[in-house]
Amino acid sequence: MNIEHIAFLKLRFVMAFIFLWAFLDKTFGLGFATTKEMSWINGGSPTFGFLTHATKGPFILFYKSMAGVALVDWLFMLGLLFIGLTLLLNRYVLYGSIAGIIMMLLMWLAVFPPANNPIIDEHVVYILVLTILAIKSKKGELDFKKA
């Protein structure tokens, strides 16, 4: 395994951890972004806080209308889990990356324009990283057994 493969393996694991951590914290309320009382298993909505307090810009009414909707909560949480697992297990990485790109684009639009820069924030960076992983996956370049 060469340095490029190691770098992409680490990148895939880091991105997997970002999505899986968000899933676990919102599900169980591990005390980082979500308190135990507001966790999904304790009846909290994983989307309510973000969609009611963080949204701004031209799409604010659209996003606020989805806050706390059960279907939105389920889609969001299943999306976090799916994306994280595809990246962690190196299976269906293309589909997980596409789902992640869509999720990050929707979240970027929810906070547009970003607080610290008129265009770029972490959502855009994640979109680009997921795009690279999707391209590498499509080309079969994430399968290190071939290397």
N, C-alpha and C. Protein backbone atom coordinates (compact mmCIF):
# COMPACT_ATOMS: atom_id res chain seq x y z
N MET A 1 0.86 -1.18 0.00
CA MET A 1 0.00 0.00 0.00
C MET A 1 0.91 1.23 0.00
N ASN A 2 0.72 2.10 -0.98
CA ASN A 2 1.56 3.30 -1.07
C ASN A 2 0.95 4.48 -0.32
N ILE A 3 1.67 5.57 -0.30
CA ILE A 3 1.26 6.75 0.48
C ILE A 3 -0.08 7.31 0.00
N GLU A 4 -0.35 7.24 -1.30
CA GLU A 4 -1.62 7.72 -1.84
C GLU A 4 -2.78 6.88 -1.30
N HIS A 5 -2.60 5.57 -1.29
CA HIS A 5 -3.65 4.69 -0.78
C HIS A 5 -3.90 4.94 0.71
N ILE A 6 -2.83 5.13 1.45
CA ILE A 6 -2.96 5.41 2.88
C ILE A 6 -3.71 6.73 3.10
N ALA A 7 -3.38 7.74 2.30
CA ALA A 7 -4.05 9.04 2.43
C ALA A 7 -5.54 8.92 2.12
N PHE A 8 -5.90 8.18 1.09
CA PHE A 8 -7.32 8.03 0.76
C PHE A 8 -8.05 7.16 1.77
N LEU A 9 -7.37 6.18 2.32
CA LEU A 9 -7.96 5.37 3.38
C LEU A 9 -8.28 6.25 4.59
N LYS A 10 -7.32 7.07 4.99
CA LYS A 10 -7.53 7.98 6.12
C LYS A 10 -8.63 8.98 5.82
N LEU A 11 -8.64 9.52 4.61
CA LEU A 11 -9.68 10.48 4.23
C LEU A 11 -11.06 9.84 4.29
N ARG A 12 -11.17 8.61 3.81
CA ARG A 12 -12.44 7.89 3.85
C ARG A 12 -12.87 7.65 5.29
N PHE A 13 -11.95 7.24 6.15
CA PHE A 13 -12.26 7.00 7.56
C PHE A 13 -12.66 8.29 8.29
N VAL A 14 -11.96 9.37 8.01
CA VAL A 14 -12.29 10.66 8.65
C VAL A 14 -13.70 11.09 8.25
N MET A 15 -14.01 11.00 6.97
CA MET A 15 -15.35 11.38 6.51
C MET A 15 -16.40 10.44 7.09
N ALA A 16 -16.10 9.16 7.17
CA ALA A 16 -17.03 8.20 7.77
C ALA A 16 -17.31 8.58 9.22
N PHE A 17 -16.26 8.94 9.95
CA PHE A 17 -16.42 9.29 11.36
C PHE A 17 -17.26 10.56 11.52
N ILE A 18 -17.11 11.52 10.62
CA ILE A 18 -17.91 12.75 10.69
C ILE A 18 -19.40 12.41 10.63
N PHE A 19 -19.78 11.57 9.68
CA PHE A 19 -21.20 11.23 9.51
C PHE A 19 -21.69 10.28 10.61
N LEU A 20 -20.87 9.28 10.96
CA LEU A 20 -21.29 8.33 11.99
C LEU A 20 -21.36 9.01 13.36
N TRP A 21 -20.43 9.93 13.65
CA TRP A 21 -20.48 10.64 14.92
C TRP A 21 -21.76 11.47 15.02
N ALA A 22 -22.10 12.17 13.94
CA ALA A 22 -23.33 12.97 13.95
C ALA A 22 -24.53 12.05 14.21
N PHE A 23 -24.54 10.89 13.58
CA PHE A 23 -25.63 9.94 13.79
C PHE A 23 -25.69 9.49 15.25
N LEU A 24 -24.56 9.08 15.79
CA LEU A 24 -24.53 8.58 17.18
C LEU A 24 -24.86 9.66 18.19
N ASP A 25 -24.31 10.86 18.00
CA ASP A 25 -24.58 11.95 18.94
C ASP A 25 -26.05 12.35 18.92
N LYS A 26 -26.64 12.43 17.74
CA LYS A 26 -28.05 12.81 17.65
C LYS A 26 -28.97 11.68 18.14
N THR A 27 -28.55 10.45 17.95
CA THR A 27 -29.37 9.32 18.40
C THR A 27 -29.35 9.17 19.92
N PHE A 28 -28.16 9.23 20.52
CA PHE A 28 -28.03 8.93 21.94
C PHE A 28 -27.76 10.15 22.82
N GLY A 29 -27.56 11.32 22.22
CA GLY A 29 -27.30 12.51 23.02
C GLY A 29 -26.02 12.39 23.82
N LEU A 30 -24.91 12.29 23.14
CA LEU A 30 -23.62 12.08 23.80
C LEU A 30 -23.05 13.35 24.40
N GLY A 31 -23.79 14.46 24.28
CA GLY A 31 -23.40 15.68 24.97
C GLY A 31 -22.53 16.63 24.18
N PHE A 32 -22.32 16.37 22.91
CA PHE A 32 -21.51 17.28 22.11
C PHE A 32 -22.42 18.27 21.40
N ALA A 33 -23.07 17.86 20.32
CA ALA A 33 -24.05 18.74 19.66
C ALA A 33 -25.45 18.51 20.21
N THR A 34 -25.66 17.36 20.84
CA THR A 34 -27.00 16.99 21.31
C THR A 34 -26.92 16.52 22.76
N THR A 35 -27.78 17.08 23.60
CA THR A 35 -27.85 16.62 24.99
C THR A 35 -28.65 15.32 25.05
N LYS A 36 -28.46 14.58 26.12
CA LYS A 36 -29.18 13.32 26.31
C LYS A 36 -30.69 13.54 26.28
N GLU A 37 -31.15 14.64 26.88
CA GLU A 37 -32.58 14.94 26.92
C GLU A 37 -33.16 15.20 25.53
N MET A 38 -32.35 15.73 24.63
CA MET A 38 -32.82 16.08 23.29
C MET A 38 -32.49 14.99 22.25
N SER A 39 -31.96 13.86 22.71
CA SER A 39 -31.57 12.79 21.79
C SER A 39 -32.79 12.20 21.09
N TRP A 40 -32.52 11.57 19.98
CA TRP A 40 -33.59 10.96 19.18
C TRP A 40 -34.28 9.85 19.96
N ILE A 41 -33.52 9.05 20.69
CA ILE A 41 -34.14 7.95 21.44
C ILE A 41 -34.96 8.44 22.62
N ASN A 42 -34.75 9.68 23.02
CA ASN A 42 -35.55 10.26 24.11
C ASN A 42 -36.65 11.19 23.58
N GLY A 43 -36.97 11.04 22.30
CA GLY A 43 -38.08 11.79 21.73
C GLY A 43 -37.73 13.11 21.08
N GLY A 44 -36.44 13.47 21.08
CA GLY A 44 -36.02 14.71 20.44
C GLY A 44 -35.99 14.57 18.92
N SER A 45 -35.98 15.69 18.26
CA SER A 45 -35.90 15.71 16.80
C SER A 45 -34.47 16.05 16.39
N PRO A 46 -33.83 15.18 15.58
CA PRO A 46 -32.46 15.45 15.17
C PRO A 46 -32.32 16.64 14.22
N THR A 47 -33.42 17.09 13.64
CA THR A 47 -33.35 18.20 12.69
C THR A 47 -33.89 19.51 13.24
N PHE A 48 -34.62 19.46 14.34
CA PHE A 48 -35.32 20.64 14.83
C PHE A 48 -34.39 21.82 15.14
N GLY A 49 -33.33 21.58 15.89
CA GLY A 49 -32.44 22.66 16.30
C GLY A 49 -31.80 23.36 15.12
N PHE A 50 -31.23 22.59 14.21
CA PHE A 50 -30.58 23.16 13.04
C PHE A 50 -31.58 23.91 12.16
N LEU A 51 -32.69 23.27 11.88
CA LEU A 51 -33.65 23.88 10.95
C LEU A 51 -34.39 25.08 11.53
N THR A 52 -34.47 25.19 12.83
CA THR A 52 -35.16 26.35 13.42
C THR A 52 -34.20 27.47 13.80
N HIS A 53 -32.97 27.14 14.17
CA HIS A 53 -32.06 28.16 14.69
C HIS A 53 -30.91 28.53 13.75
N ALA A 54 -30.47 27.61 12.91
CA ALA A 54 -29.29 27.87 12.08
C ALA A 54 -29.64 28.36 10.67
N THR A 55 -30.86 28.11 10.24
CA THR A 55 -31.22 28.47 8.87
C THR A 55 -31.36 29.97 8.70
N LYS A 56 -31.03 30.42 7.49
CA LYS A 56 -31.15 31.84 7.15
C LYS A 56 -31.13 31.95 5.63
N GLY A 57 -31.26 33.15 5.15
CA GLY A 57 -31.14 33.37 3.72
C GLY A 57 -32.43 33.15 2.95
N PRO A 58 -32.30 32.97 1.64
CA PRO A 58 -33.48 32.93 0.78
C PRO A 58 -34.37 31.71 0.95
N PHE A 59 -33.87 30.65 1.57
CA PHE A 59 -34.65 29.41 1.70
C PHE A 59 -35.13 29.17 3.13
N ILE A 60 -35.07 30.18 3.96
CA ILE A 60 -35.35 30.02 5.39
C ILE A 60 -36.75 29.45 5.66
N LEU A 61 -37.75 29.93 4.96
CA LEU A 61 -39.11 29.44 5.21
C LEU A 61 -39.26 27.98 4.81
N PHE A 62 -38.63 27.60 3.72
CA PHE A 62 -38.66 26.21 3.27
C PHE A 62 -38.06 25.29 4.33
N TYR A 63 -36.88 25.64 4.82
CA TYR A 63 -36.21 24.79 5.80
C TYR A 63 -36.90 24.80 7.16
N LYS A 64 -37.35 25.94 7.60
CA LYS A 64 -38.05 26.01 8.89
C LYS A 64 -39.34 25.18 8.87
N SER A 65 -39.98 25.09 7.72
CA SER A 65 -41.22 24.31 7.61
C SER A 65 -40.97 22.81 7.80
N MET A 66 -39.74 22.37 7.62
CA MET A 66 -39.42 20.95 7.77
C MET A 66 -38.92 20.59 9.17
N ALA A 67 -38.72 21.57 10.03
CA ALA A 67 -38.17 21.33 11.36
C ALA A 67 -39.08 20.41 12.17
N GLY A 68 -38.52 19.33 12.66
CA GLY A 68 -39.26 18.41 13.52
C GLY A 68 -40.21 17.47 12.81
N VAL A 69 -40.26 17.50 11.49
CA VAL A 69 -41.13 16.59 10.73
C VAL A 69 -40.51 15.19 10.79
N ALA A 70 -41.29 14.21 11.20
CA ALA A 70 -40.78 12.86 11.42
C ALA A 70 -40.11 12.28 10.17
N LEU A 71 -40.69 12.45 9.01
CA LEU A 71 -40.11 11.92 7.78
C LEU A 71 -38.74 12.55 7.51
N VAL A 72 -38.62 13.84 7.74
CA VAL A 72 -37.35 14.53 7.54
C VAL A 72 -36.32 14.01 8.54
N ASP A 73 -36.74 13.82 9.80
CA ASP A 73 -35.84 13.26 10.81
C ASP A 73 -35.32 11.88 10.39
N TRP A 74 -36.22 11.01 9.97
CA TRP A 74 -35.83 9.66 9.55
C TRP A 74 -34.91 9.68 8.34
N LEU A 75 -35.24 10.48 7.33
CA LEU A 75 -34.39 10.55 6.14
C LEU A 75 -33.00 11.08 6.48
N PHE A 76 -32.95 12.10 7.33
CA PHE A 76 -31.68 12.67 7.74
C PHE A 76 -30.83 11.65 8.49
N MET A 77 -31.42 10.98 9.47
CA MET A 77 -30.68 10.03 10.28
C MET A 77 -30.26 8.79 9.47
N LEU A 78 -31.15 8.28 8.64
CA LEU A 78 -30.77 7.15 7.79
C LEU A 78 -29.69 7.56 6.80
N GLY A 79 -29.76 8.80 6.32
CA GLY A 79 -28.72 9.32 5.43
C GLY A 79 -27.38 9.38 6.13
N LEU A 80 -27.33 9.92 7.35
CA LEU A 80 -26.07 9.97 8.10
C LEU A 80 -25.49 8.57 8.28
N LEU A 81 -26.33 7.63 8.68
CA LEU A 81 -25.88 6.26 8.91
C LEU A 81 -25.40 5.61 7.61
N PHE A 82 -26.16 5.74 6.55
CA PHE A 82 -25.81 5.15 5.26
C PHE A 82 -24.49 5.71 4.74
N ILE A 83 -24.36 7.02 4.75
CA ILE A 83 -23.14 7.65 4.25
C ILE A 83 -21.94 7.19 5.07
N GLY A 84 -22.08 7.25 6.38
CA GLY A 84 -20.98 6.85 7.25
C GLY A 84 -20.57 5.40 7.05
N LEU A 85 -21.54 4.50 6.97
CA LEU A 85 -21.23 3.07 6.80
C LEU A 85 -20.61 2.77 5.45
N THR A 86 -21.10 3.41 4.38
CA THR A 86 -20.52 3.14 3.06
C THR A 86 -19.05 3.55 3.04
N LEU A 87 -18.73 4.67 3.67
CA LEU A 87 -17.35 5.13 3.69
C LEU A 87 -16.49 4.27 4.60
N LEU A 88 -17.01 3.88 5.74
CA LEU A 88 -16.26 3.06 6.68
C LEU A 88 -15.96 1.67 6.12
N LEU A 89 -16.97 1.06 5.51
CA LEU A 89 -16.85 -0.32 5.04
C LEU A 89 -16.34 -0.43 3.61
N ASN A 90 -16.17 0.70 2.93
CA ASN A 90 -15.70 0.74 1.54
C ASN A 90 -16.62 -0.07 0.62
N ARG A 91 -17.91 0.02 0.88
CA ARG A 91 -18.92 -0.64 0.05
C ARG A 91 -19.93 0.43 -0.38
N TYR A 92 -20.29 0.43 -1.63
CA TYR A 92 -21.25 1.39 -2.18
C TYR A 92 -20.80 2.83 -1.92
N VAL A 93 -19.49 3.06 -1.97
CA VAL A 93 -18.93 4.39 -1.70
C VAL A 93 -19.48 5.42 -2.68
N LEU A 94 -19.67 5.04 -3.92
CA LEU A 94 -20.22 5.97 -4.90
C LEU A 94 -21.59 6.47 -4.46
N TYR A 95 -22.47 5.56 -4.05
CA TYR A 95 -23.81 5.94 -3.63
C TYR A 95 -23.80 6.73 -2.33
N GLY A 96 -22.96 6.31 -1.39
CA GLY A 96 -22.83 7.04 -0.14
C GLY A 96 -22.29 8.44 -0.37
N SER A 97 -21.32 8.56 -1.28
CA SER A 97 -20.76 9.88 -1.59
C SER A 97 -21.79 10.79 -2.24
N ILE A 98 -22.57 10.24 -3.16
CA ILE A 98 -23.61 11.03 -3.82
C ILE A 98 -24.64 11.48 -2.78
N ALA A 99 -25.04 10.58 -1.89
CA ALA A 99 -25.99 10.96 -0.83
C ALA A 99 -25.39 12.04 0.06
N GLY A 100 -24.11 11.92 0.38
CA GLY A 100 -23.44 12.92 1.20
C GLY A 100 -23.34 14.27 0.51
N ILE A 101 -23.07 14.25 -0.78
CA ILE A 101 -23.00 15.49 -1.56
C ILE A 101 -24.36 16.19 -1.53
N ILE A 102 -25.41 15.44 -1.73
CA ILE A 102 -26.76 16.02 -1.71
C ILE A 102 -27.08 16.58 -0.32
N MET A 103 -26.76 15.81 0.73
CA MET A 103 -27.03 16.27 2.09
C MET A 103 -26.26 17.55 2.40
N MET A 104 -24.99 17.58 2.04
CA MET A 104 -24.16 18.76 2.32
C MET A 104 -24.63 19.97 1.51
N LEU A 105 -25.06 19.75 0.28
CA LEU A 105 -25.58 20.85 -0.54
C LEU A 105 -26.85 21.42 0.08
N LEU A 106 -27.73 20.55 0.54
CA LEU A 106 -28.96 21.01 1.18
C LEU A 106 -28.66 21.77 2.48
N MET A 107 -27.68 21.29 3.24
CA MET A 107 -27.32 21.98 4.47
C MET A 107 -26.63 23.32 4.18
N TRP A 108 -25.82 23.36 3.13
CA TRP A 108 -25.17 24.62 2.73
C TRP A 108 -26.23 25.64 2.31
N LEU A 109 -27.21 25.20 1.55
CA LEU A 109 -28.29 26.11 1.13
C LEU A 109 -29.09 26.61 2.33
N ALA A 110 -29.19 25.79 3.37
CA ALA A 110 -29.95 26.18 4.56
C ALA A 110 -29.27 27.31 5.32
N VAL A 111 -27.95 27.43 5.22
CA VAL A 111 -27.22 28.47 5.94
C VAL A 111 -26.65 29.54 5.01
N PHE A 112 -27.07 29.52 3.75
CA PHE A 112 -26.54 30.46 2.77
C PHE A 112 -27.05 31.88 3.02
N PRO A 113 -26.19 32.86 3.01
CA PRO A 113 -24.74 32.76 2.88
C PRO A 113 -24.11 32.35 4.20
N PRO A 114 -23.00 31.59 4.14
CA PRO A 114 -22.33 31.13 5.37
C PRO A 114 -21.89 32.29 6.26
N ALA A 115 -21.71 32.02 7.53
CA ALA A 115 -21.41 33.06 8.51
C ALA A 115 -20.04 33.70 8.34
N ASN A 116 -19.02 32.93 8.04
CA ASN A 116 -17.65 33.44 8.05
C ASN A 116 -17.05 33.72 6.68
N ASN A 117 -17.79 33.43 5.63
CA ASN A 117 -17.30 33.61 4.28
C ASN A 117 -18.53 33.73 3.39
N PRO A 118 -18.50 34.58 2.38
CA PRO A 118 -19.72 34.76 1.58
C PRO A 118 -20.15 33.54 0.77
N ILE A 119 -19.26 32.56 0.59
CA ILE A 119 -19.60 31.40 -0.24
C ILE A 119 -19.18 30.08 0.39
N ILE A 120 -17.95 30.00 0.87
CA ILE A 120 -17.37 28.72 1.27
C ILE A 120 -17.52 28.49 2.78
N ASP A 121 -17.91 27.27 3.14
CA ASP A 121 -17.86 26.81 4.52
C ASP A 121 -17.54 25.32 4.49
N GLU A 122 -17.62 24.66 5.65
CA GLU A 122 -17.23 23.25 5.71
C GLU A 122 -18.10 22.36 4.82
N HIS A 123 -19.34 22.75 4.56
CA HIS A 123 -20.20 21.94 3.70
C HIS A 123 -19.63 21.84 2.29
N VAL A 124 -19.09 22.93 1.79
CA VAL A 124 -18.49 22.94 0.45
C VAL A 124 -17.23 22.06 0.44
N VAL A 125 -16.44 22.13 1.49
CA VAL A 125 -15.24 21.30 1.58
C VAL A 125 -15.65 19.82 1.59
N TYR A 126 -16.66 19.47 2.38
CA TYR A 126 -17.13 18.09 2.42
C TYR A 126 -17.66 17.65 1.05
N ILE A 127 -18.35 18.52 0.35
CA ILE A 127 -18.83 18.20 -1.00
C ILE A 127 -17.66 17.85 -1.90
N LEU A 128 -16.61 18.64 -1.85
CA LEU A 128 -15.45 18.39 -2.70
C LEU A 128 -14.74 17.08 -2.32
N VAL A 129 -14.60 16.82 -1.03
CA VAL A 129 -13.97 15.58 -0.59
C VAL A 129 -14.81 14.38 -1.02
N LEU A 130 -16.11 14.46 -0.84
CA LEU A 130 -16.99 13.37 -1.25
C LEU A 130 -16.98 13.18 -2.76
N THR A 131 -16.83 14.26 -3.50
CA THR A 131 -16.73 14.18 -4.96
C THR A 131 -15.47 13.41 -5.35
N ILE A 132 -14.36 13.71 -4.71
CA ILE A 132 -13.11 13.00 -4.98
C ILE A 132 -13.26 11.52 -4.64
N LEU A 133 -13.87 11.21 -3.49
CA LEU A 133 -14.07 9.81 -3.12
C LEU A 133 -14.99 9.09 -4.10
N ALA A 134 -16.02 9.79 -4.58
CA ALA A 134 -16.93 9.20 -5.56
C ALA A 134 -16.20 8.89 -6.86
N ILE A 135 -15.38 9.81 -7.32
CA ILE A 135 -14.62 9.61 -8.57
C ILE A 135 -13.65 8.45 -8.41
N LYS A 136 -12.92 8.44 -7.29
CA LYS A 136 -11.97 7.35 -7.04
C LYS A 136 -12.70 6.00 -6.94
N SER A 137 -13.86 6.00 -6.32
CA SER A 137 -14.64 4.78 -6.19
C SER A 137 -15.11 4.29 -7.55
N LYS A 138 -15.60 5.20 -8.36
CA LYS A 138 -16.09 4.85 -9.70
C LYS A 138 -14.98 4.24 -10.55
N LYS A 139 -13.77 4.75 -10.38
CA LYS A 139 -12.63 4.23 -11.13
C LYS A 139 -12.04 2.96 -10.51
N GLY A 140 -12.58 2.55 -9.36
CA GLY A 140 -12.07 1.37 -8.68
C GLY A 140 -10.76 1.63 -7.95
N GLU A 141 -10.45 2.88 -7.71
CA GLU A 141 -9.16 3.24 -7.10
C GLU A 141 -9.19 3.25 -5.58
N LEU A 142 -10.32 2.91 -4.98
CA LEU A 142 -10.38 2.80 -3.52
C LEU A 142 -10.27 1.35 -3.08
N ASP A 143 -10.22 0.43 -4.05
CA ASP A 143 -10.06 -0.98 -3.74
C ASP A 143 -8.57 -1.28 -3.64
N PHE A 144 -8.07 -1.32 -2.42
CA PHE A 144 -6.64 -1.41 -2.20
C PHE A 144 -6.11 -2.84 -2.38
N LYS A 145 -6.99 -3.81 -2.54
CA LYS A 145 -6.55 -5.17 -2.79
C LYS A 145 -5.90 -5.27 -4.17
N LYS A 146 -6.32 -4.39 -5.09
CA LYS A 146 -5.76 -4.40 -6.44
C LYS A 146 -4.38 -3.77 -6.48
N ALA A 147 -4.08 -2.97 -5.46
CA ALA A 147 -2.81 -2.21 -5.48
C ALA A 147 -1.62 -3.08 -5.17
